[in-house]
Amino acid sequence: MIPFSISNFMDSLVLGVIYPHLNASLNALATVLLVTGWILIKKGREQAHKNVMLASFVVSTLFLMSYLYYHIVVTGGEPVRLREDTPNAVRYPYYFILFSHIILAISVPILAIGTIRHGLKDNRERHRKWARITFPIWLYVSVTGVIVYIILYLLYAPDVLPGS
């Protein structure tokens, strides 16, 4: 028998349930910050754009840390799956969104760091060039992350989540 501890209790009962909601909230916040940063630069407010985009990077980094912790530590690497009764009309678009989200999400950290690096070095031409590629991918990944959450954890959640 494993001895009772507050740490084990919190990790297994509370945090395992909180992480998907936290992750979706961080993705949604990153989306809002990305769009705000884009609007600010279109209005010529460079310093505000810089601050908001750096905040978006911090939020996305927190998301990644939380996401990895949840999927590696809390669930033990066991994937969360749609319920068996999920209709194919939902299942197929969900898997398309999930697959495209995963493939593009792999590139976001590298693209974001490159774009930010050029911006901080005041290399405007390269920053703009990178941003034209980075922004739509980063935004797509943030938005589809929330869509995946809604489908997987709210609409068609399994009866028991891994790690709970």
C-alpha atoms as a PDB file:
ATOM      1  CA  MET A   1       0.000   0.000   0.000  1.00  0.00           C
ATOM      2  CA  ILE A   2       1.266   3.484  -0.915  1.00  0.00           C
ATOM      3  CA  PRO A   3       1.220   5.825   2.086  1.00  0.00           C
ATOM      4  CA  PHE A   4      -1.135   8.778   1.870  1.00  0.00           C
ATOM      5  CA  SER A   5       0.474  12.124   1.176  1.00  0.00           C
ATOM      6  CA  ILE A   6      -0.947  15.513   0.257  1.00  0.00           C
ATOM      7  CA  SER A   7       1.392  15.636  -2.735  1.00  0.00           C
ATOM      8  CA  ASN A   8       0.141  12.326  -4.151  1.00  0.00           C
ATOM      9  CA  PHE A   9      -3.452  13.293  -3.460  1.00  0.00           C
ATOM     10  CA  MET A  10      -3.094  16.664  -5.208  1.00  0.00           C
ATOM     11  CA  ASP A  11      -1.298  15.197  -8.212  1.00  0.00           C
ATOM     12  CA  SER A  12      -3.682  12.320  -8.787  1.00  0.00           C
ATOM     13  CA  LEU A  13      -7.047  13.861  -7.944  1.00  0.00           C
ATOM     14  CA  VAL A  14      -6.825  17.581  -8.497  1.00  0.00           C
ATOM     15  CA  LEU A  15      -3.996  18.392 -10.883  1.00  0.00           C
ATOM     16  CA  GLY A  16      -4.804  15.557 -13.263  1.00  0.00           C
ATOM     17  CA  VAL A  17      -8.222  17.100 -13.778  1.00  0.00           C
ATOM     18  CA  ILE A  18      -6.996  20.699 -13.936  1.00  0.00           C
ATOM     19  CA  TYR A  19      -4.296  20.347 -16.600  1.00  0.00           C
ATOM     20  CA  PRO A  20      -6.476  20.009 -19.728  1.00  0.00           C
ATOM     21  CA  HIS A  21      -8.454  23.115 -18.700  1.00  0.00           C
ATOM     22  CA  LEU A  22      -5.287  25.025 -17.811  1.00  0.00           C
ATOM     23  CA  ASN A  23      -3.700  24.069 -21.130  1.00  0.00           C
ATOM     24  CA  ALA A  24      -6.731  25.185 -23.132  1.00  0.00           C
ATOM     25  CA  SER A  25      -6.845  28.462 -21.197  1.00  0.00           C
ATOM     26  CA  LEU A  26      -3.173  29.099 -21.946  1.00  0.00           C
ATOM     27  CA  ASN A  27      -3.771  28.330 -25.636  1.00  0.00           C
ATOM     28  CA  ALA A  28      -6.748  30.694 -25.717  1.00  0.00           C
ATOM     29  CA  LEU A  29      -4.721  33.431 -24.002  1.00  0.00           C
ATOM     30  CA  ALA A  30      -1.871  32.915 -26.487  1.00  0.00           C
ATOM     31  CA  THR A  31      -4.401  33.313 -29.318  1.00  0.00           C
ATOM     32  CA  VAL A  32      -5.691  36.596 -27.897  1.00  0.00           C
ATOM     33  CA  LEU A  33      -2.134  37.874 -27.384  1.00  0.00           C
ATOM     34  CA  LEU A  34      -1.059  36.877 -30.903  1.00  0.00           C
ATOM     35  CA  VAL A  35      -3.997  38.689 -32.501  1.00  0.00           C
ATOM     36  CA  THR A  36      -3.450  41.699 -30.229  1.00  0.00           C
ATOM     37  CA  GLY A  37       0.240  41.801 -31.193  1.00  0.00           C
ATOM     38  CA  TRP A  38      -0.676  41.665 -34.878  1.00  0.00           C
ATOM     39  CA  ILE A  39      -3.175  44.528 -34.472  1.00  0.00           C
ATOM     40  CA  LEU A  40      -0.621  46.588 -32.545  1.00  0.00           C
ATOM     41  CA  ILE A  41       2.058  46.279 -35.213  1.00  0.00           C
ATOM     42  CA  LYS A  42      -0.463  47.147 -37.929  1.00  0.00           C
ATOM     43  CA  LYS A  43      -1.143  50.346 -35.951  1.00  0.00           C
ATOM     44  CA  GLY A  44       2.599  51.080 -35.717  1.00  0.00           C
ATOM     45  CA  ARG A  45       2.798  50.543 -31.956  1.00  0.00           C
ATOM     46  CA  GLU A  46       6.122  48.692 -31.994  1.00  0.00           C
ATOM     47  CA  GLN A  47       6.926  48.669 -28.266  1.00  0.00           C
ATOM     48  CA  ALA A  48       3.436  47.465 -27.349  1.00  0.00           C
ATOM     49  CA  HIS A  49       3.691  44.829 -30.111  1.00  0.00           C
ATOM     50  CA  LYS A  50       7.032  43.662 -28.737  1.00  0.00           C
ATOM     51  CA  ASN A  51       5.686  43.390 -25.178  1.00  0.00           C
ATOM     52  CA  VAL A  52       2.544  41.517 -26.208  1.00  0.00           C
ATOM     53  CA  MET A  53       4.399  39.103 -28.498  1.00  0.00           C
ATOM     54  CA  LEU A  54       6.940  38.348 -25.759  1.00  0.00           C
ATOM     55  CA  ALA A  55       4.010  37.740 -23.385  1.00  0.00           C
ATOM     56  CA  SER A  56       2.502  35.385 -25.970  1.00  0.00           C
ATOM     57  CA  PHE A  57       5.800  33.495 -26.128  1.00  0.00           C
ATOM     58  CA  VAL A  58       5.893  33.205 -22.321  1.00  0.00           C
ATOM     59  CA  VAL A  59       2.286  31.964 -22.249  1.00  0.00           C
ATOM     60  CA  SER A  60       3.021  29.455 -25.018  1.00  0.00           C
ATOM     61  CA  THR A  61       6.113  28.272 -23.139  1.00  0.00           C
ATOM     62  CA  LEU A  62       4.049  27.796 -19.973  1.00  0.00           C
ATOM     63  CA  PHE A  63       1.509  25.876 -22.057  1.00  0.00           C
ATOM     64  CA  LEU A  64       4.207  23.589 -23.456  1.00  0.00           C
ATOM     65  CA  MET A  65       5.627  22.883 -19.999  1.00  0.00           C
ATOM     66  CA  SER A  66       2.165  22.163 -18.587  1.00  0.00           C
ATOM     67  CA  TYR A  67       1.184  20.041 -21.601  1.00  0.00           C
ATOM     68  CA  LEU A  68       4.325  17.913 -21.400  1.00  0.00           C
ATOM     69  CA  TYR A  69       3.988  17.475 -17.634  1.00  0.00           C
ATOM     70  CA  TYR A  70       0.367  16.367 -18.006  1.00  0.00           C
ATOM     71  CA  HIS A  71       1.009  13.936 -20.849  1.00  0.00           C
ATOM     72  CA  ILE A  72       4.263  12.487 -19.497  1.00  0.00           C
ATOM     73  CA  VAL A  73       3.872  12.563 -15.712  1.00  0.00           C
ATOM     74  CA  VAL A  74       0.139  12.703 -14.953  1.00  0.00           C
ATOM     75  CA  THR A  75      -1.134  10.337 -17.673  1.00  0.00           C
ATOM     76  CA  GLY A  76       2.049   8.268 -17.755  1.00  0.00           C
ATOM     77  CA  GLY A  77       2.171   8.674 -21.524  1.00  0.00           C
ATOM     78  CA  GLU A  78      -1.218   7.020 -21.998  1.00  0.00           C
ATOM     79  CA  PRO A  79      -3.118   8.925 -24.717  1.00  0.00           C
ATOM     80  CA  VAL A  80      -6.500  10.472 -24.054  1.00  0.00           C
ATOM     81  CA  ARG A  81      -8.950   9.024 -26.574  1.00  0.00           C
ATOM     82  CA  LEU A  82     -12.331  10.069 -27.867  1.00  0.00           C
ATOM     83  CA  ARG A  83     -15.296   8.152 -26.489  1.00  0.00           C
ATOM     84  CA  GLU A  84     -16.244   5.084 -28.508  1.00  0.00           C
ATOM     85  CA  ASP A  85     -19.642   6.580 -29.388  1.00  0.00           C
ATOM     86  CA  THR A  86     -18.140   9.686 -31.026  1.00  0.00           C
ATOM     87  CA  PRO A  87     -19.838  10.008 -34.431  1.00  0.00           C
ATOM     88  CA  ASN A  88     -17.657   9.702 -37.533  1.00  0.00           C
ATOM     89  CA  ALA A  89     -18.863  13.158 -38.590  1.00  0.00           C
ATOM     90  CA  VAL A  90     -16.922  14.455 -35.573  1.00  0.00           C
ATOM     91  CA  ARG A  91     -14.191  11.816 -35.398  1.00  0.00           C
ATOM     92  CA  TYR A  92     -12.729  12.346 -38.903  1.00  0.00           C
ATOM     93  CA  PRO A  93     -12.533  16.162 -38.782  1.00  0.00           C
ATOM     94  CA  TYR A  94     -11.157  15.872 -35.232  1.00  0.00           C
ATOM     95  CA  TYR A  95      -8.316  13.609 -36.368  1.00  0.00           C
ATOM     96  CA  PHE A  96      -7.565  15.897 -39.319  1.00  0.00           C
ATOM     97  CA  ILE A  97      -7.401  18.918 -36.999  1.00  0.00           C
ATOM     98  CA  LEU A  98      -5.357  16.984 -34.429  1.00  0.00           C
ATOM     99  CA  PHE A  99      -2.856  15.687 -37.020  1.00  0.00           C
ATOM    100  CA  SER A 100      -2.341  19.119 -38.630  1.00  0.00           C
ATOM    101  CA  HIS A 101      -2.104  20.692 -35.161  1.00  0.00           C
ATOM    102  CA  ILE A 102       0.615  18.256 -34.031  1.00  0.00           C
ATOM    103  CA  ILE A 103       2.675  18.556 -37.228  1.00  0.00           C
ATOM    104  CA  LEU A 104       2.608  22.364 -37.183  1.00  0.00           C
ATOM    105  CA  ALA A 105       3.063  22.603 -33.386  1.00  0.00           C
ATOM    106  CA  ILE A 106       6.454  20.938 -33.732  1.00  0.00           C
ATOM    107  CA  SER A 107       7.681  23.935 -35.735  1.00  0.00           C
ATOM    108  CA  VAL A 108       6.302  26.711 -33.513  1.00  0.00           C
ATOM    109  CA  PRO A 109       9.088  26.873 -30.895  1.00  0.00           C
ATOM    110  CA  ILE A 110      11.803  27.109 -33.560  1.00  0.00           C
ATOM    111  CA  LEU A 111       9.865  29.596 -35.671  1.00  0.00           C
ATOM    112  CA  ALA A 112       8.890  31.725 -32.664  1.00  0.00           C
ATOM    113  CA  ILE A 113      12.436  31.838 -31.286  1.00  0.00           C
ATOM    114  CA  GLY A 114      13.827  32.764 -34.718  1.00  0.00           C
ATOM    115  CA  THR A 115      11.232  35.478 -35.240  1.00  0.00           C
ATOM    116  CA  ILE A 116      11.730  36.908 -31.744  1.00  0.00           C
ATOM    117  CA  ARG A 117      15.512  36.795 -32.112  1.00  0.00           C
ATOM    118  CA  HIS A 118      15.392  38.858 -35.318  1.00  0.00           C
ATOM    119  CA  GLY A 119      12.952  41.288 -33.703  1.00  0.00           C
ATOM    120  CA  LEU A 120      15.095  41.778 -30.600  1.00  0.00           C
ATOM    121  CA  LYS A 121      18.212  42.320 -32.745  1.00  0.00           C
ATOM    122  CA  ASP A 122      16.234  44.969 -34.660  1.00  0.00           C
ATOM    123  CA  ASN A 123      16.783  43.060 -37.896  1.00  0.00           C
ATOM    124  CA  ARG A 124      13.427  44.223 -39.245  1.00  0.00           C
ATOM    125  CA  GLU A 125      13.552  42.700 -42.705  1.00  0.00           C
ATOM    126  CA  ARG A 126      14.366  39.212 -41.410  1.00  0.00           C
ATOM    127  CA  HIS A 127      11.900  39.627 -38.533  1.00  0.00           C
ATOM    128  CA  ARG A 128       9.121  40.461 -40.998  1.00  0.00           C
ATOM    129  CA  LYS A 129      10.096  37.568 -43.263  1.00  0.00           C
ATOM    130  CA  TRP A 130      10.039  35.077 -40.378  1.00  0.00           C
ATOM    131  CA  ALA A 131       6.848  36.587 -38.917  1.00  0.00           C
ATOM    132  CA  ARG A 132       4.967  36.102 -42.213  1.00  0.00           C
ATOM    133  CA  ILE A 133       5.540  32.359 -41.778  1.00  0.00           C
ATOM    134  CA  THR A 134       5.477  32.111 -37.974  1.00  0.00           C
ATOM    135  CA  PHE A 135       2.346  34.128 -37.213  1.00  0.00           C
ATOM    136  CA  PRO A 136      -0.223  32.086 -39.180  1.00  0.00           C
ATOM    137  CA  ILE A 137       1.265  28.775 -38.034  1.00  0.00           C
ATOM    138  CA  TRP A 138       1.450  29.845 -34.380  1.00  0.00           C
ATOM    139  CA  LEU A 139      -2.092  31.228 -34.540  1.00  0.00           C
ATOM    140  CA  TYR A 140      -3.427  28.057 -36.214  1.00  0.00           C
ATOM    141  CA  VAL A 141      -1.771  25.877 -33.565  1.00  0.00           C
ATOM    142  CA  SER A 142      -3.180  27.994 -30.726  1.00  0.00           C
ATOM    143  CA  VAL A 143      -6.720  28.015 -32.138  1.00  0.00           C
ATOM    144  CA  THR A 144      -6.746  24.319 -33.050  1.00  0.00           C
ATOM    145  CA  GLY A 145      -5.396  23.495 -29.585  1.00  0.00           C
ATOM    146  CA  VAL A 146      -8.564  24.990 -28.125  1.00  0.00           C
ATOM    147  CA  ILE A 147     -10.726  23.153 -30.687  1.00  0.00           C
ATOM    148  CA  VAL A 148      -9.067  19.832 -29.827  1.00  0.00           C
ATOM    149  CA  TYR A 149      -9.670  20.547 -26.130  1.00  0.00           C
ATOM    150  CA  ILE A 150     -13.363  21.298 -26.710  1.00  0.00           C
ATOM    151  CA  ILE A 151     -13.909  18.108 -28.688  1.00  0.00           C
ATOM    152  CA  LEU A 152     -11.734  15.812 -26.559  1.00  0.00           C
ATOM    153  CA  TYR A 153     -12.438  17.083 -23.038  1.00  0.00           C
ATOM    154  CA  LEU A 154     -15.851  18.747 -23.223  1.00  0.00           C
ATOM    155  CA  LEU A 155     -17.944  17.221 -25.997  1.00  0.00           C
ATOM    156  CA  TYR A 156     -16.642  13.648 -26.299  1.00  0.00           C
ATOM    157  CA  ALA A 157     -14.528  13.102 -23.199  1.00  0.00           C
ATOM    158  CA  PRO A 158     -13.841   9.528 -22.148  1.00  0.00           C
ATOM    159  CA  ASP A 159     -15.537   8.407 -18.939  1.00  0.00           C
ATOM    160  CA  VAL A 160     -12.173   8.114 -17.201  1.00  0.00           C
ATOM    161  CA  LEU A 161      -9.128  10.182 -18.093  1.00  0.00           C
ATOM    162  CA  PRO A 162      -5.685   8.580 -17.998  1.00  0.00           C
ATOM    163  CA  GLY A 163      -3.895   9.377 -14.764  1.00  0.00           C
ATOM    164  CA  SER A 164      -7.056  10.019 -12.770  1.00  0.00           C
END
